[in-house]
Amino acid sequence: MSEEPRRRRAPAMSPEDRREAIVQATLPLVVKAGANVTTSQIAAAAGIAEGTVFRVFKDKAELLDACVQRALRSDEEVSRLEEIPSDVPLEERLTTGVAAFSGYLDRMWGLIGTLRESGYHPNGEDHKKHQGPPIGMQQLTGAVAQLFGDADLRVDHDLAARMLLGAVFTNRMGSGFGQTAAEPADIVELFLHGALKGGSK
């Protein structure tokens, strides 16, 4: 009888892939429990031994900061917007952009809000990383600007994108005060056509 073929071992993860896998497993836990999440819970979610967490991150604080940094990235949203065909109607393109930006804000604020409520305070160096607009928000704004395509605007596309997303920002803020948030399509319609009804002066 021929010998059974030996099972091939799965290739070992690179340090970067291992780090990303742990962060991805940790994010949902942090959204629920904030800084109170335990490393044993993180290890179970990632399917690894608890000691592996500390071989990748020096402590839980470093892992939490990595989760914040990951939440601030907008890679997926930007890629999704860049794949929208140019022949899709402008309002539809912008509605997708507004929805993507709304989801980005909800994810970012949800994570950071839960962390703060649970007593998480980044150290001095980490605090500097979180000052100013996140690079992910800037990249997403640029992607939305590209959605205007060759539309004949009164302002340049970058300014139009900032003004549109400013309305989205205010809309998401309003939902936190018990007000009903407008839908992405409503925001786009108001932005493109104004608040006045047709024929009004």
C-alpha atoms as a PDB file:
ATOM      1  CA  MET A   1       0.000   0.000   0.000  1.00  0.00           C
ATOM      2  CA  SER A   2       1.199   3.469  -0.786  1.00  0.00           C
ATOM      3  CA  GLU A   3       1.843   5.784   2.075  1.00  0.00           C
ATOM      4  CA  GLU A   4      -0.808   8.410   2.740  1.00  0.00           C
ATOM      5  CA  PRO A   5       0.363  11.838   1.620  1.00  0.00           C
ATOM      6  CA  ARG A   6       1.574  13.951   4.467  1.00  0.00           C
ATOM      7  CA  ARG A   7      -0.625  16.843   5.403  1.00  0.00           C
ATOM      8  CA  ARG A   8       0.815  20.138   4.434  1.00  0.00           C
ATOM      9  CA  ARG A   9       1.084  22.621   7.220  1.00  0.00           C
ATOM     10  CA  ALA A  10      -0.650  25.902   6.666  1.00  0.00           C
ATOM     11  CA  PRO A  11       1.899  28.657   6.066  1.00  0.00           C
ATOM     12  CA  ALA A  12       2.732  30.585   9.208  1.00  0.00           C
ATOM     13  CA  MET A  13       1.232  34.051   9.481  1.00  0.00           C
ATOM     14  CA  SER A  14       3.551  36.971   9.052  1.00  0.00           C
ATOM     15  CA  PRO A  15       3.836  39.260  12.105  1.00  0.00           C
ATOM     16  CA  GLU A  16       1.779  41.888  10.258  1.00  0.00           C
ATOM     17  CA  ASP A  17      -0.979  39.405   9.376  1.00  0.00           C
ATOM     18  CA  ARG A  18      -1.045  38.047  12.929  1.00  0.00           C
ATOM     19  CA  ARG A  19      -1.312  41.574  14.307  1.00  0.00           C
ATOM     20  CA  GLU A  20      -4.152  42.420  11.919  1.00  0.00           C
ATOM     21  CA  ALA A  21      -6.002  39.193  12.737  1.00  0.00           C
ATOM     22  CA  ILE A  22      -5.870  39.938  16.458  1.00  0.00           C
ATOM     23  CA  VAL A  23      -7.049  43.512  15.924  1.00  0.00           C
ATOM     24  CA  GLN A  24      -9.950  42.346  13.741  1.00  0.00           C
ATOM     25  CA  ALA A  25     -10.998  39.803  16.380  1.00  0.00           C
ATOM     26  CA  THR A  26     -10.720  42.409  19.127  1.00  0.00           C
ATOM     27  CA  LEU A  27     -12.685  45.229  17.487  1.00  0.00           C
ATOM     28  CA  PRO A  28     -16.194  43.757  18.006  1.00  0.00           C
ATOM     29  CA  LEU A  29     -15.332  42.994  21.635  1.00  0.00           C
ATOM     30  CA  VAL A  30     -14.113  46.537  22.244  1.00  0.00           C
ATOM     31  CA  VAL A  31     -17.275  48.003  20.700  1.00  0.00           C
ATOM     32  CA  LYS A  32     -19.286  46.062  23.321  1.00  0.00           C
ATOM     33  CA  ALA A  33     -17.052  46.180  26.394  1.00  0.00           C
ATOM     34  CA  GLY A  34     -14.587  49.003  25.734  1.00  0.00           C
ATOM     35  CA  ALA A  35     -11.392  48.823  27.765  1.00  0.00           C
ATOM     36  CA  ASN A  36     -12.992  46.224  30.041  1.00  0.00           C
ATOM     37  CA  VAL A  37     -12.440  43.474  27.470  1.00  0.00           C
ATOM     38  CA  THR A  38     -10.023  40.866  28.800  1.00  0.00           C
ATOM     39  CA  THR A  39      -7.077  39.334  27.006  1.00  0.00           C
ATOM     40  CA  SER A  40      -8.582  35.886  27.563  1.00  0.00           C
ATOM     41  CA  GLN A  41     -11.714  37.001  25.691  1.00  0.00           C
ATOM     42  CA  ILE A  42      -9.530  38.421  22.934  1.00  0.00           C
ATOM     43  CA  ALA A  43      -7.526  35.190  22.665  1.00  0.00           C
ATOM     44  CA  ALA A  44     -10.699  33.110  22.468  1.00  0.00           C
ATOM     45  CA  ALA A  45     -12.146  35.324  19.737  1.00  0.00           C
ATOM     46  CA  ALA A  46      -8.900  35.188  17.751  1.00  0.00           C
ATOM     47  CA  GLY A  47      -8.500  31.431  18.261  1.00  0.00           C
ATOM     48  CA  ILE A  48      -5.056  31.779  19.807  1.00  0.00           C
ATOM     49  CA  ALA A  49      -3.374  31.225  23.167  1.00  0.00           C
ATOM     50  CA  GLU A  50      -3.528  34.184  25.519  1.00  0.00           C
ATOM     51  CA  GLY A  51       0.260  34.371  25.580  1.00  0.00           C
ATOM     52  CA  THR A  52       0.270  35.003  21.828  1.00  0.00           C
ATOM     53  CA  VAL A  53      -1.484  38.314  22.410  1.00  0.00           C
ATOM     54  CA  PHE A  54       1.471  39.497  24.485  1.00  0.00           C
ATOM     55  CA  ARG A  55       3.981  38.251  21.936  1.00  0.00           C
ATOM     56  CA  VAL A  56       2.385  40.551  19.370  1.00  0.00           C
ATOM     57  CA  PHE A  57       1.456  43.490  21.603  1.00  0.00           C
ATOM     58  CA  LYS A  58       3.463  44.579  24.634  1.00  0.00           C
ATOM     59  CA  ASP A  59       0.259  45.109  26.649  1.00  0.00           C
ATOM     60  CA  LYS A  60      -3.493  45.552  26.301  1.00  0.00           C
ATOM     61  CA  ALA A  61      -3.130  49.325  26.007  1.00  0.00           C
ATOM     62  CA  GLU A  62      -1.079  48.916  22.840  1.00  0.00           C
ATOM     63  CA  LEU A  63      -3.696  46.555  21.425  1.00  0.00           C
ATOM     64  CA  LEU A  64      -6.500  49.002  22.220  1.00  0.00           C
ATOM     65  CA  ASP A  65      -4.606  51.773  20.489  1.00  0.00           C
ATOM     66  CA  ALA A  66      -4.123  49.527  17.449  1.00  0.00           C
ATOM     67  CA  CYS A  67      -7.901  48.965  17.413  1.00  0.00           C
ATOM     68  CA  VAL A  68      -8.517  52.721  17.437  1.00  0.00           C
ATOM     69  CA  GLN A  69      -6.022  53.205  14.619  1.00  0.00           C
ATOM     70  CA  ARG A  70      -7.762  50.462  12.619  1.00  0.00           C
ATOM     71  CA  ALA A  71     -11.195  52.005  13.195  1.00  0.00           C
ATOM     72  CA  LEU A  72      -9.914  55.346  11.904  1.00  0.00           C
ATOM     73  CA  ARG A  73      -8.860  53.827   8.587  1.00  0.00           C
ATOM     74  CA  SER A  74     -11.227  54.039   5.642  1.00  0.00           C
ATOM     75  CA  ASP A  75      -9.578  51.615   3.198  1.00  0.00           C
ATOM     76  CA  GLU A  76     -12.706  49.557   2.588  1.00  0.00           C
ATOM     77  CA  GLU A  77     -14.964  52.579   2.129  1.00  0.00           C
ATOM     78  CA  VAL A  78     -12.537  54.288  -0.241  1.00  0.00           C
ATOM     79  CA  SER A  79     -12.149  51.123  -2.348  1.00  0.00           C
ATOM     80  CA  ARG A  80     -15.925  50.740  -2.549  1.00  0.00           C
ATOM     81  CA  LEU A  81     -16.354  54.315  -3.774  1.00  0.00           C
ATOM     82  CA  GLU A  82     -13.514  54.039  -6.288  1.00  0.00           C
ATOM     83  CA  GLU A  83     -15.257  51.044  -7.871  1.00  0.00           C
ATOM     84  CA  ILE A  84     -18.458  52.978  -8.674  1.00  0.00           C
ATOM     85  CA  PRO A  85     -18.740  53.303 -12.494  1.00  0.00           C
ATOM     86  CA  SER A  86     -18.687  56.870 -13.818  1.00  0.00           C
ATOM     87  CA  ASP A  87     -21.917  56.282 -15.763  1.00  0.00           C
ATOM     88  CA  VAL A  88     -23.919  55.806 -12.550  1.00  0.00           C
ATOM     89  CA  PRO A  89     -26.128  58.895 -12.014  1.00  0.00           C
ATOM     90  CA  LEU A  90     -24.531  61.604  -9.857  1.00  0.00           C
ATOM     91  CA  GLU A  91     -27.165  61.490  -7.114  1.00  0.00           C
ATOM     92  CA  GLU A  92     -26.771  57.731  -6.804  1.00  0.00           C
ATOM     93  CA  ARG A  93     -22.976  58.015  -6.636  1.00  0.00           C
ATOM     94  CA  LEU A  94     -23.160  60.675  -3.955  1.00  0.00           C
ATOM     95  CA  THR A  95     -25.777  58.749  -1.979  1.00  0.00           C
ATOM     96  CA  THR A  96     -23.395  55.797  -1.837  1.00  0.00           C
ATOM     97  CA  GLY A  97     -20.631  58.150  -0.711  1.00  0.00           C
ATOM     98  CA  VAL A  98     -22.790  59.675   2.023  1.00  0.00           C
ATOM     99  CA  ALA A  99     -23.818  56.222   3.241  1.00  0.00           C
ATOM    100  CA  ALA A 100     -20.175  55.114   3.362  1.00  0.00           C
ATOM    101  CA  PHE A 101     -19.137  58.218   5.296  1.00  0.00           C
ATOM    102  CA  SER A 102     -22.062  57.802   7.718  1.00  0.00           C
ATOM    103  CA  GLY A 103     -21.017  54.223   8.400  1.00  0.00           C
ATOM    104  CA  TYR A 104     -17.430  55.324   8.910  1.00  0.00           C
ATOM    105  CA  LEU A 105     -18.468  57.941  11.468  1.00  0.00           C
ATOM    106  CA  ASP A 106     -20.741  55.510  13.301  1.00  0.00           C
ATOM    107  CA  ARG A 107     -17.970  52.906  13.542  1.00  0.00           C
ATOM    108  CA  MET A 108     -15.330  55.407  14.641  1.00  0.00           C
ATOM    109  CA  TRP A 109     -17.491  57.216  17.175  1.00  0.00           C
ATOM    110  CA  GLY A 110     -18.994  53.992  18.494  1.00  0.00           C
ATOM    111  CA  LEU A 111     -15.610  52.485  19.255  1.00  0.00           C
ATOM    112  CA  ILE A 112     -14.037  55.606  20.722  1.00  0.00           C
ATOM    113  CA  GLY A 113     -17.176  56.429  22.730  1.00  0.00           C
ATOM    114  CA  THR A 114     -17.310  52.977  24.302  1.00  0.00           C
ATOM    115  CA  LEU A 115     -13.613  53.125  25.150  1.00  0.00           C
ATOM    116  CA  ARG A 116     -13.973  56.480  26.862  1.00  0.00           C
ATOM    117  CA  GLU A 117     -17.022  55.379  28.826  1.00  0.00           C
ATOM    118  CA  SER A 118     -15.040  52.383  30.094  1.00  0.00           C
ATOM    119  CA  GLY A 119     -12.217  54.587  31.337  1.00  0.00           C
ATOM    120  CA  TYR A 120      -9.767  54.284  28.446  1.00  0.00           C
ATOM    121  CA  HIS A 121      -7.351  57.200  28.230  1.00  0.00           C
ATOM    122  CA  PRO A 122      -4.498  57.011  25.701  1.00  0.00           C
ATOM    123  CA  ASN A 123      -1.048  57.939  26.927  1.00  0.00           C
ATOM    124  CA  GLY A 124       0.688  61.102  25.737  1.00  0.00           C
ATOM    125  CA  GLU A 125       2.128  59.637  22.542  1.00  0.00           C
ATOM    126  CA  ASP A 126      -1.087  57.842  21.633  1.00  0.00           C
ATOM    127  CA  HIS A 127      -3.100  60.997  22.304  1.00  0.00           C
ATOM    128  CA  LYS A 128      -1.034  62.877  19.710  1.00  0.00           C
ATOM    129  CA  LYS A 129      -1.955  60.235  17.127  1.00  0.00           C
ATOM    130  CA  HIS A 130      -5.662  60.923  17.618  1.00  0.00           C
ATOM    131  CA  GLN A 131      -5.462  64.727  17.336  1.00  0.00           C
ATOM    132  CA  GLY A 132      -6.766  66.436  14.179  1.00  0.00           C
ATOM    133  CA  PRO A 133      -8.818  64.865  11.395  1.00  0.00           C
ATOM    134  CA  PRO A 134      -7.993  61.149  10.957  1.00  0.00           C
ATOM    135  CA  ILE A 135      -6.144  60.361   7.735  1.00  0.00           C
ATOM    136  CA  GLY A 136      -8.946  57.930   6.930  1.00  0.00           C
ATOM    137  CA  MET A 137     -11.484  60.751   6.972  1.00  0.00           C
ATOM    138  CA  GLN A 138      -9.293  62.837   4.674  1.00  0.00           C
ATOM    139  CA  GLN A 139      -8.931  59.945   2.229  1.00  0.00           C
ATOM    140  CA  LEU A 140     -12.658  59.312   2.288  1.00  0.00           C
ATOM    141  CA  THR A 141     -13.347  62.995   1.611  1.00  0.00           C
ATOM    142  CA  GLY A 142     -11.038  62.795  -1.389  1.00  0.00           C
ATOM    143  CA  ALA A 143     -12.866  59.722  -2.677  1.00  0.00           C
ATOM    144  CA  VAL A 144     -16.215  61.524  -2.370  1.00  0.00           C
ATOM    145  CA  ALA A 145     -14.777  64.502  -4.283  1.00  0.00           C
ATOM    146  CA  GLN A 146     -13.976  62.135  -7.151  1.00  0.00           C
ATOM    147  CA  LEU A 147     -17.628  61.036  -7.249  1.00  0.00           C
ATOM    148  CA  PHE A 148     -18.625  64.425  -8.676  1.00  0.00           C
ATOM    149  CA  GLY A 149     -16.847  63.404 -11.860  1.00  0.00           C
ATOM    150  CA  ASP A 150     -17.265  66.034 -14.581  1.00  0.00           C
ATOM    151  CA  ALA A 151     -20.303  67.684 -12.953  1.00  0.00           C
ATOM    152  CA  ASP A 152     -20.434  71.449 -13.550  1.00  0.00           C
ATOM    153  CA  LEU A 153     -20.227  72.808 -10.003  1.00  0.00           C
ATOM    154  CA  ARG A 154     -20.138  76.354  -8.618  1.00  0.00           C
ATOM    155  CA  VAL A 155     -17.189  75.386  -6.403  1.00  0.00           C
ATOM    156  CA  ASP A 156     -14.271  73.006  -6.852  1.00  0.00           C
ATOM    157  CA  HIS A 157     -14.907  69.341  -6.173  1.00  0.00           C
ATOM    158  CA  ASP A 158     -12.847  69.207  -2.978  1.00  0.00           C
ATOM    159  CA  LEU A 159     -14.848  72.030  -1.412  1.00  0.00           C
ATOM    160  CA  ALA A 160     -18.107  70.473  -2.564  1.00  0.00           C
ATOM    161  CA  ALA A 161     -17.118  67.181  -0.927  1.00  0.00           C
ATOM    162  CA  ARG A 162     -16.224  68.897   2.345  1.00  0.00           C
ATOM    163  CA  MET A 163     -19.528  70.794   2.369  1.00  0.00           C
ATOM    164  CA  LEU A 164     -21.528  67.653   1.606  1.00  0.00           C
ATOM    165  CA  LEU A 165     -19.771  65.605   4.274  1.00  0.00           C
ATOM    166  CA  GLY A 166     -20.108  68.497   6.702  1.00  0.00           C
ATOM    167  CA  ALA A 167     -23.861  68.012   6.373  1.00  0.00           C
ATOM    168  CA  VAL A 168     -23.390  64.288   7.002  1.00  0.00           C
ATOM    169  CA  PHE A 169     -21.305  65.047  10.088  1.00  0.00           C
ATOM    170  CA  THR A 170     -24.017  67.344  11.473  1.00  0.00           C
ATOM    171  CA  ASN A 171     -26.679  64.767  10.623  1.00  0.00           C
ATOM    172  CA  ARG A 172     -24.923  62.044  12.626  1.00  0.00           C
ATOM    173  CA  MET A 173     -24.390  64.473  15.517  1.00  0.00           C
ATOM    174  CA  GLY A 174     -28.119  65.224  15.555  1.00  0.00           C
ATOM    175  CA  SER A 175     -28.995  61.556  15.937  1.00  0.00           C
ATOM    176  CA  GLY A 176     -27.063  61.563  19.213  1.00  0.00           C
ATOM    177  CA  PHE A 177     -29.401  64.208  20.618  1.00  0.00           C
ATOM    178  CA  GLY A 178     -32.568  62.200  20.070  1.00  0.00           C
ATOM    179  CA  GLN A 179     -33.280  63.689  16.666  1.00  0.00           C
ATOM    180  CA  THR A 180     -34.117  61.514  13.686  1.00  0.00           C
ATOM    181  CA  ALA A 181     -31.180  61.321  11.280  1.00  0.00           C
ATOM    182  CA  ALA A 182     -31.900  62.065   7.624  1.00  0.00           C
ATOM    183  CA  GLU A 183     -31.342  59.312   5.083  1.00  0.00           C
ATOM    184  CA  PRO A 184     -28.325  59.595   2.730  1.00  0.00           C
ATOM    185  CA  ALA A 185     -30.540  60.179  -0.320  1.00  0.00           C
ATOM    186  CA  ASP A 186     -32.324  63.064   1.458  1.00  0.00           C
ATOM    187  CA  ILE A 187     -29.015  64.714   2.333  1.00  0.00           C
ATOM    188  CA  VAL A 188     -27.813  64.459  -1.265  1.00  0.00           C
ATOM    189  CA  GLU A 189     -31.084  65.831  -2.650  1.00  0.00           C
ATOM    190  CA  LEU A 190     -30.984  68.791  -0.269  1.00  0.00           C
ATOM    191  CA  PHE A 191     -27.322  69.424  -1.051  1.00  0.00           C
ATOM    192  CA  LEU A 192     -27.777  69.352  -4.840  1.00  0.00           C
ATOM    193  CA  HIS A 193     -31.161  71.087  -5.116  1.00  0.00           C
ATOM    194  CA  GLY A 194     -31.362  73.273  -2.011  1.00  0.00           C
ATOM    195  CA  ALA A 195     -34.006  73.709   0.681  1.00  0.00           C
ATOM    196  CA  LEU A 196     -36.315  76.004  -1.268  1.00  0.00           C
ATOM    197  CA  LYS A 197     -39.232  74.501  -3.139  1.00  0.00           C
ATOM    198  CA  GLY A 198     -39.376  75.038  -6.884  1.00  0.00           C
ATOM    199  CA  GLY A 199     -40.591  78.512  -7.830  1.00  0.00           C
ATOM    200  CA  SER A 200     -39.918  80.009  -4.377  1.00  0.00           C
ATOM    201  CA  LYS A 201     -37.835  83.149  -4.009  1.00  0.00           C
END
